[in-house]
Amino acid sequence: MASNLLFQMTVIYLLFFYIVDLGISAMAAGVIILKARIWDAFNDPDMGLVVDHTKSKHGKVRVNLLYGSLPLGIMTV
């Protein structure tokens, strides 16, 4: 839930940034966000396959959470 809250706040800020600071139209900004969502629709099942095929002594998901949280935090900032 915390990750999704952070993601949604970032998307809302990006939409505001695109419209106000970059000066592009609201429709163009919406299309940019839409393209990202379409990419997610095709990319997320592939990431699910990666998690399903992960084999480690720590489990399937824990490895991704341990090694993915720091890069996610850095990229978000």
PDB file of N, CA and C in Angstrom:
ATOM      1  N   MET A   1       0.825  -1.185   0.000  1.00  0.00           N
ATOM      2  CA  MET A   1       0.000   0.000   0.000  1.00  0.00           C
ATOM      3  C   MET A   1       0.876   1.259   0.000  1.00  0.00           C
ATOM      4  N   ALA A   2       1.961   1.227   0.772  1.00  0.00           N
ATOM      5  CA  ALA A   2       2.838   2.398   0.830  1.00  0.00           C
ATOM      6  C   ALA A   2       3.494   2.656  -0.514  1.00  0.00           C
ATOM      7  N   SER A   3       3.903   1.597  -1.190  1.00  0.00           N
ATOM      8  CA  SER A   3       4.534   1.759  -2.503  1.00  0.00           C
ATOM      9  C   SER A   3       3.549   2.338  -3.512  1.00  0.00           C
ATOM     10  N   ASN A   4       2.309   1.865  -3.480  1.00  0.00           N
ATOM     11  CA  ASN A   4       1.299   2.378  -4.403  1.00  0.00           C
ATOM     12  C   ASN A   4       0.970   3.831  -4.090  1.00  0.00           C
ATOM     13  N   LEU A   5       0.923   4.196  -2.817  1.00  0.00           N
ATOM     14  CA  LEU A   5       0.683   5.584  -2.441  1.00  0.00           C
ATOM     15  C   LEU A   5       1.797   6.477  -2.980  1.00  0.00           C
ATOM     16  N   LEU A   6       3.026   6.046  -2.831  1.00  0.00           N
ATOM     17  CA  LEU A   6       4.167   6.801  -3.346  1.00  0.00           C
ATOM     18  C   LEU A   6       4.099   6.915  -4.862  1.00  0.00           C
ATOM     19  N   PHE A   7       3.756   5.820  -5.527  1.00  0.00           N
ATOM     20  CA  PHE A   7       3.650   5.826  -6.983  1.00  0.00           C
ATOM     21  C   PHE A   7       2.556   6.783  -7.454  1.00  0.00           C
ATOM     22  N   GLN A   8       1.402   6.745  -6.819  1.00  0.00           N
ATOM     23  CA  GLN A   8       0.299   7.608  -7.232  1.00  0.00           C
ATOM     24  C   GLN A   8       0.625   9.087  -7.004  1.00  0.00           C
ATOM     25  N   MET A   9       1.295   9.388  -5.906  1.00  0.00           N
ATOM     26  CA  MET A   9       1.698  10.782  -5.662  1.00  0.00           C
ATOM     27  C   MET A   9       2.677  11.249  -6.737  1.00  0.00           C
ATOM     28  N   THR A  10       3.564  10.370  -7.162  1.00  0.00           N
ATOM     29  CA  THR A  10       4.519  10.706  -8.214  1.00  0.00           C
ATOM     30  C   THR A  10       3.806  10.960  -9.534  1.00  0.00           C
ATOM     31  N   VAL A  11       2.841  10.124  -9.872  1.00  0.00           N
ATOM     32  CA  VAL A  11       2.100  10.293 -11.123  1.00  0.00           C
ATOM     33  C   VAL A  11       1.313  11.601 -11.110  1.00  0.00           C
ATOM     34  N   ILE A  12       0.682  11.913  -9.991  1.00  0.00           N
ATOM     35  CA  ILE A  12      -0.082  13.160  -9.894  1.00  0.00           C
ATOM     36  C   ILE A  12       0.842  14.363 -10.019  1.00  0.00           C
ATOM     37  N   TYR A  13       2.004  14.304  -9.364  1.00  0.00           N
ATOM     38  CA  TYR A  13       2.951  15.405  -9.481  1.00  0.00           C
ATOM     39  C   TYR A  13       3.475  15.528 -10.906  1.00  0.00           C
ATOM     40  N   LEU A  14       3.759  14.399 -11.565  1.00  0.00           N
ATOM     41  CA  LEU A  14       4.240  14.456 -12.942  1.00  0.00           C
ATOM     42  C   LEU A  14       3.213  15.096 -13.861  1.00  0.00           C
ATOM     43  N   LEU A  15       1.957  14.757 -13.682  1.00  0.00           N
ATOM     44  CA  LEU A  15       0.906  15.359 -14.498  1.00  0.00           C
ATOM     45  C   LEU A  15       0.889  16.868 -14.300  1.00  0.00           C
ATOM     46  N   PHE A  16       0.964  17.317 -13.061  1.00  0.00           N
ATOM     47  CA  PHE A  16       1.031  18.746 -12.761  1.00  0.00           C
ATOM     48  C   PHE A  16       2.274  19.368 -13.375  1.00  0.00           C
ATOM     49  N   PHE A  17       3.429  18.704 -13.257  1.00  0.00           N
ATOM     50  CA  PHE A  17       4.689  19.210 -13.800  1.00  0.00           C
ATOM     51  C   PHE A  17       4.624  19.338 -15.320  1.00  0.00           C
ATOM     52  N   TYR A  18       4.076  18.331 -15.982  1.00  0.00           N
ATOM     53  CA  TYR A  18       3.973  18.381 -17.442  1.00  0.00           C
ATOM     54  C   TYR A  18       3.129  19.563 -17.901  1.00  0.00           C
ATOM     55  N   ILE A  19       2.014  19.802 -17.229  1.00  0.00           N
ATOM     56  CA  ILE A  19       1.086  20.846 -17.660  1.00  0.00           C
ATOM     57  C   ILE A  19       1.589  22.235 -17.293  1.00  0.00           C
ATOM     58  N   VAL A  20       1.997  22.440 -16.043  1.00  0.00           N
ATOM     59  CA  VAL A  20       2.347  23.772 -15.557  1.00  0.00           C
ATOM     60  C   VAL A  20       3.777  24.159 -15.931  1.00  0.00           C
ATOM     61  N   ASP A  21       4.740  23.317 -15.602  1.00  0.00           N
ATOM     62  CA  ASP A  21       6.139  23.687 -15.793  1.00  0.00           C
ATOM     63  C   ASP A  21       6.620  23.508 -17.228  1.00  0.00           C
ATOM     64  N   LEU A  22       6.265  22.398 -17.861  1.00  0.00           N
ATOM     65  CA  LEU A  22       6.701  22.173 -19.233  1.00  0.00           C
ATOM     66  C   LEU A  22       5.790  22.852 -20.248  1.00  0.00           C
ATOM     67  N   GLY A  23       4.573  23.158 -19.845  1.00  0.00           N
ATOM     68  CA  GLY A  23       3.655  23.889 -20.717  1.00  0.00           C
ATOM     69  C   GLY A  23       3.020  23.056 -21.811  1.00  0.00           C
ATOM     70  N   ILE A  24       3.009  21.729 -21.682  1.00  0.00           N
ATOM     71  CA  ILE A  24       2.333  20.923 -22.687  1.00  0.00           C
ATOM     72  C   ILE A  24       0.850  20.843 -22.337  1.00  0.00           C
ATOM     73  N   SER A  25       0.057  20.490 -23.318  1.00  0.00           N
ATOM     74  CA  SER A  25      -1.385  20.463 -23.095  1.00  0.00           C
ATOM     75  C   SER A  25      -1.759  19.313 -22.164  1.00  0.00           C
ATOM     76  N   ALA A  26      -2.919  19.456 -21.545  1.00  0.00           N
ATOM     77  CA  ALA A  26      -3.403  18.416 -20.633  1.00  0.00           C
ATOM     78  C   ALA A  26      -3.635  17.113 -21.380  1.00  0.00           C
ATOM     79  N   MET A  27      -4.080  17.201 -22.626  1.00  0.00           N
ATOM     80  CA  MET A  27      -4.318  15.999 -23.416  1.00  0.00           C
ATOM     81  C   MET A  27      -2.997  15.275 -23.701  1.00  0.00           C
ATOM     82  N   ALA A  28      -1.959  16.015 -24.062  1.00  0.00           N
ATOM     83  CA  ALA A  28      -0.663  15.388 -24.325  1.00  0.00           C
ATOM     84  C   ALA A  28      -0.107  14.749 -23.059  1.00  0.00           C
ATOM     85  N   ALA A  29      -0.255  15.421 -21.931  1.00  0.00           N
ATOM     86  CA  ALA A  29       0.211  14.864 -20.660  1.00  0.00           C
ATOM     87  C   ALA A  29      -0.562  13.583 -20.330  1.00  0.00           C
ATOM     88  N   GLY A  30      -1.859  13.590 -20.588  1.00  0.00           N
ATOM     89  CA  GLY A  30      -2.667  12.399 -20.355  1.00  0.00           C
ATOM     90  C   GLY A  30      -2.252  11.245 -21.246  1.00  0.00           C
ATOM     91  N   VAL A  31      -1.892  11.543 -22.487  1.00  0.00           N
ATOM     92  CA  VAL A  31      -1.446  10.495 -23.415  1.00  0.00           C
ATOM     93  C   VAL A  31      -0.119   9.902 -22.945  1.00  0.00           C
ATOM     94  N   ILE A  32       0.768  10.739 -22.412  1.00  0.00           N
ATOM     95  CA  ILE A  32       2.035  10.235 -21.882  1.00  0.00           C
ATOM     96  C   ILE A  32       1.773   9.260 -20.732  1.00  0.00           C
ATOM     97  N   ILE A  33       0.886   9.646 -19.815  1.00  0.00           N
ATOM     98  CA  ILE A  33       0.551   8.776 -18.688  1.00  0.00           C
ATOM     99  C   ILE A  33      -0.136   7.499 -19.190  1.00  0.00           C
ATOM    100  N   LEU A  34      -1.003   7.629 -20.184  1.00  0.00           N
ATOM    101  CA  LEU A  34      -1.695   6.469 -20.752  1.00  0.00           C
ATOM    102  C   LEU A  34      -0.708   5.485 -21.374  1.00  0.00           C
ATOM    103  N   LYS A  35       0.286   6.003 -22.094  1.00  0.00           N
ATOM    104  CA  LYS A  35       1.289   5.117 -22.698  1.00  0.00           C
ATOM    105  C   LYS A  35       2.057   4.357 -21.623  1.00  0.00           C
ATOM    106  N   ALA A  36       2.337   5.008 -20.511  1.00  0.00           N
ATOM    107  CA  ALA A  36       3.022   4.323 -19.413  1.00  0.00           C
ATOM    108  C   ALA A  36       2.145   3.215 -18.839  1.00  0.00           C
ATOM    109  N   ARG A  37       0.846   3.459 -18.719  1.00  0.00           N
ATOM    110  CA  ARG A  37      -0.076   2.435 -18.196  1.00  0.00           C
ATOM    111  C   ARG A  37      -0.198   1.259 -19.163  1.00  0.00           C
ATOM    112  N   ILE A  38      -0.207   1.546 -20.463  1.00  0.00           N
ATOM    113  CA  ILE A  38      -0.264   0.467 -21.453  1.00  0.00           C
ATOM    114  C   ILE A  38       1.012  -0.360 -21.381  1.00  0.00           C
ATOM    115  N   TRP A  39       2.167   0.307 -21.236  1.00  0.00           N
ATOM    116  CA  TRP A  39       3.430  -0.414 -21.073  1.00  0.00           C
ATOM    117  C   TRP A  39       3.348  -1.330 -19.846  1.00  0.00           C
ATOM    118  N   ASP A  40       2.798  -0.827 -18.756  1.00  0.00           N
ATOM    119  CA  ASP A  40       2.650  -1.632 -17.544  1.00  0.00           C
ATOM    120  C   ASP A  40       1.757  -2.846 -17.778  1.00  0.00           C
ATOM    121  N   ALA A  41       0.716  -2.673 -18.571  1.00  0.00           N
ATOM    122  CA  ALA A  41      -0.209  -3.778 -18.824  1.00  0.00           C
ATOM    123  C   ALA A  41       0.494  -4.945 -19.506  1.00  0.00           C
ATOM    124  N   PHE A  42       1.467  -4.648 -20.357  1.00  0.00           N
ATOM    125  CA  PHE A  42       2.196  -5.716 -21.038  1.00  0.00           C
ATOM    126  C   PHE A  42       3.434  -6.162 -20.257  1.00  0.00           C
ATOM    127  N   ASN A  43       4.028  -5.266 -19.496  1.00  0.00           N
ATOM    128  CA  ASN A  43       5.262  -5.560 -18.784  1.00  0.00           C
ATOM    129  C   ASN A  43       5.015  -6.317 -17.470  1.00  0.00           C
ATOM    130  N   ASP A  44       3.939  -6.050 -16.775  1.00  0.00           N
ATOM    131  CA  ASP A  44       3.685  -6.665 -15.471  1.00  0.00           C
ATOM    132  C   ASP A  44       3.576  -8.189 -15.522  1.00  0.00           C
ATOM    133  N   PRO A  45       2.904  -8.775 -16.510  1.00  0.00           N
ATOM    134  CA  PRO A  45       2.911 -10.248 -16.569  1.00  0.00           C
ATOM    135  C   PRO A  45       4.318 -10.828 -16.746  1.00  0.00           C
ATOM    136  N   ASP A  46       5.159 -10.134 -17.508  1.00  0.00           N
ATOM    137  CA  ASP A  46       6.543 -10.600 -17.662  1.00  0.00           C
ATOM    138  C   ASP A  46       7.288 -10.546 -16.336  1.00  0.00           C
ATOM    139  N   MET A  47       7.073  -9.492 -15.571  1.00  0.00           N
ATOM    140  CA  MET A  47       7.718  -9.400 -14.264  1.00  0.00           C
ATOM    141  C   MET A  47       7.192 -10.475 -13.314  1.00  0.00           C
ATOM    142  N   GLY A  48       5.925 -10.833 -13.465  1.00  0.00           N
ATOM    143  CA  GLY A  48       5.365 -11.935 -12.689  1.00  0.00           C
ATOM    144  C   GLY A  48       6.051 -13.251 -13.015  1.00  0.00           C
ATOM    145  N   LEU A  49       6.364 -13.454 -14.287  1.00  0.00           N
ATOM    146  CA  LEU A  49       7.105 -14.655 -14.668  1.00  0.00           C
ATOM    147  C   LEU A  49       8.499 -14.665 -14.056  1.00  0.00           C
ATOM    148  N   VAL A  50       9.143 -13.496 -14.016  1.00  0.00           N
ATOM    149  CA  VAL A  50      10.466 -13.411 -13.399  1.00  0.00           C
ATOM    150  C   VAL A  50      10.383 -13.806 -11.929  1.00  0.00           C
ATOM    151  N   VAL A  51       9.381 -13.294 -11.230  1.00  0.00           N
ATOM    152  CA  VAL A  51       9.221 -13.631  -9.808  1.00  0.00           C
ATOM    153  C   VAL A  51       8.903 -15.117  -9.649  1.00  0.00           C
ATOM    154  N   ASP A  52       8.040 -15.650 -10.498  1.00  0.00           N
ATOM    155  CA  ASP A  52       7.686 -17.063 -10.385  1.00  0.00           C
ATOM    156  C   ASP A  52       8.871 -17.987 -10.619  1.00  0.00           C
ATOM    157  N   HIS A  53       9.802 -17.573 -11.457  1.00  0.00           N
ATOM    158  CA  HIS A  53      10.949 -18.421 -11.768  1.00  0.00           C
ATOM    159  C   HIS A  53      12.170 -18.129 -10.896  1.00  0.00           C
ATOM    160  N   THR A  54      12.030 -17.228  -9.936  1.00  0.00           N
ATOM    161  CA  THR A  54      13.127 -16.939  -9.012  1.00  0.00           C
ATOM    162  C   THR A  54      13.222 -18.049  -7.989  1.00  0.00           C
ATOM    163  N   LYS A  55      14.418 -18.582  -7.849  1.00  0.00           N
ATOM    164  CA  LYS A  55      14.640 -19.628  -6.858  1.00  0.00           C
ATOM    165  C   LYS A  55      15.821 -19.192  -5.994  1.00  0.00           C
ATOM    166  N   SER A  56      15.563 -18.976  -4.724  1.00  0.00           N
ATOM    167  CA  SER A  56      16.629 -18.628  -3.788  1.00  0.00           C
ATOM    168  C   SER A  56      16.274 -19.171  -2.418  1.00  0.00           C
ATOM    169  N   LYS A  57      17.235 -19.130  -1.532  1.00  0.00           N
ATOM    170  CA  LYS A  57      16.974 -19.636  -0.184  1.00  0.00           C
ATOM    171  C   LYS A  57      16.086 -18.694   0.618  1.00  0.00           C
ATOM    172  N   HIS A  58      15.905 -17.456   0.138  1.00  0.00           N
ATOM    173  CA  HIS A  58      15.062 -16.484   0.825  1.00  0.00           C
ATOM    174  C   HIS A  58      13.633 -16.452   0.285  1.00  0.00           C
ATOM    175  N   GLY A  59      13.338 -17.228  -0.741  1.00  0.00           N
ATOM    176  CA  GLY A  59      12.003 -17.238  -1.319  1.00  0.00           C
ATOM    177  C   GLY A  59      11.967 -16.524  -2.654  1.00  0.00           C
ATOM    178  N   LYS A  60      10.784 -16.416  -3.209  1.00  0.00           N
ATOM    179  CA  LYS A  60      10.634 -15.829  -4.538  1.00  0.00           C
ATOM    180  C   LYS A  60      10.623 -14.303  -4.515  1.00  0.00           C
ATOM    181  N   VAL A  61       9.836 -13.731  -3.642  1.00  0.00           N
ATOM    182  CA  VAL A  61       9.620 -12.288  -3.671  1.00  0.00           C
ATOM    183  C   VAL A  61      10.599 -11.534  -2.779  1.00  0.00           C
ATOM    184  N   ARG A  62      11.002 -12.140  -1.698  1.00  0.00           N
ATOM    185  CA  ARG A  62      11.842 -11.436  -0.728  1.00  0.00           C
ATOM    186  C   ARG A  62      13.145 -10.934  -1.343  1.00  0.00           C
ATOM    187  N   VAL A  63      13.723 -11.694  -2.253  1.00  0.00           N
ATOM    188  CA  VAL A  63      14.958 -11.281  -2.915  1.00  0.00           C
ATOM    189  C   VAL A  63      14.726  -9.991  -3.697  1.00  0.00           C
ATOM    190  N   ASN A  64      13.627  -9.927  -4.416  1.00  0.00           N
ATOM    191  CA  ASN A  64      13.314  -8.730  -5.193  1.00  0.00           C
ATOM    192  C   ASN A  64      13.047  -7.535  -4.288  1.00  0.00           C
ATOM    193  N   LEU A  65      12.386  -7.760  -3.168  1.00  0.00           N
ATOM    194  CA  LEU A  65      12.120  -6.670  -2.232  1.00  0.00           C
ATOM    195  C   LEU A  65      13.405  -6.177  -1.580  1.00  0.00           C
ATOM    196  N   LEU A  66      14.288  -7.096  -1.226  1.00  0.00           N
ATOM    197  CA  LEU A  66      15.540  -6.702  -0.579  1.00  0.00           C
ATOM    198  C   LEU A  66      16.442  -5.898  -1.516  1.00  0.00           C
ATOM    199  N   TYR A  67      16.596  -6.390  -2.738  1.00  0.00           N
ATOM    200  CA  TYR A  67      17.526  -5.744  -3.666  1.00  0.00           C
ATOM    201  C   TYR A  67      16.871  -4.676  -4.539  1.00  0.00           C
ATOM    202  N   GLY A  68      15.560  -4.603  -4.549  1.00  0.00           N
ATOM    203  CA  GLY A  68      14.883  -3.614  -5.383  1.00  0.00           C
ATOM    204  C   GLY A  68      14.432  -2.369  -4.646  1.00  0.00           C
ATOM    205  N   SER A  69      14.368  -2.419  -3.324  1.00  0.00           N
ATOM    206  CA  SER A  69      13.837  -1.279  -2.579  1.00  0.00           C
ATOM    207  C   SER A  69      14.775  -0.077  -2.605  1.00  0.00           C
ATOM    208  N   LEU A  70      16.070  -0.301  -2.501  1.00  0.00           N
ATOM    209  CA  LEU A  70      17.015   0.819  -2.516  1.00  0.00           C
ATOM    210  C   LEU A  70      17.044   1.518  -3.880  1.00  0.00           C
ATOM    211  N   PRO A  71      17.182   0.790  -5.006  1.00  0.00           N
ATOM    212  CA  PRO A  71      17.119   1.485  -6.299  1.00  0.00           C
ATOM    213  C   PRO A  71      15.783   2.206  -6.538  1.00  0.00           C
ATOM    214  N   LEU A  72      14.666   1.605  -6.092  1.00  0.00           N
ATOM    215  CA  LEU A  72      13.367   2.260  -6.230  1.00  0.00           C
ATOM    216  C   LEU A  72      13.327   3.564  -5.450  1.00  0.00           C
ATOM    217  N   GLY A  73      13.833   3.540  -4.227  1.00  0.00           N
ATOM    218  CA  GLY A  73      13.864   4.772  -3.426  1.00  0.00           C
ATOM    219  C   GLY A  73      14.736   5.844  -4.049  1.00  0.00           C
ATOM    220  N   ILE A  74      15.899   5.456  -4.564  1.00  0.00           N
ATOM    221  CA  ILE A  74      16.804   6.423  -5.203  1.00  0.00           C
ATOM    222  C   ILE A  74      16.173   7.006  -6.463  1.00  0.00           C
ATOM    223  N   MET A  75      15.573   6.156  -7.291  1.00  0.00           N
ATOM    224  CA  MET A  75      14.952   6.654  -8.524  1.00  0.00           C
ATOM    225  C   MET A  75      13.740   7.530  -8.228  1.00  0.00           C
ATOM    226  N   THR A  76      13.017   7.243  -7.152  1.00  0.00           N
ATOM    227  CA  THR A  76      11.850   8.041  -6.815  1.00  0.00           C
ATOM    228  C   THR A  76      12.260   9.452  -6.378  1.00  0.00           C
ATOM    229  N   VAL A  77      13.333   9.530  -5.597  1.00  0.00           N
ATOM    230  CA  VAL A  77      13.809  10.841  -5.156  1.00  0.00           C
ATOM    231  C   VAL A  77      14.333  11.607  -6.343  1.00  0.00           C
TER     232      VAL A  77
END
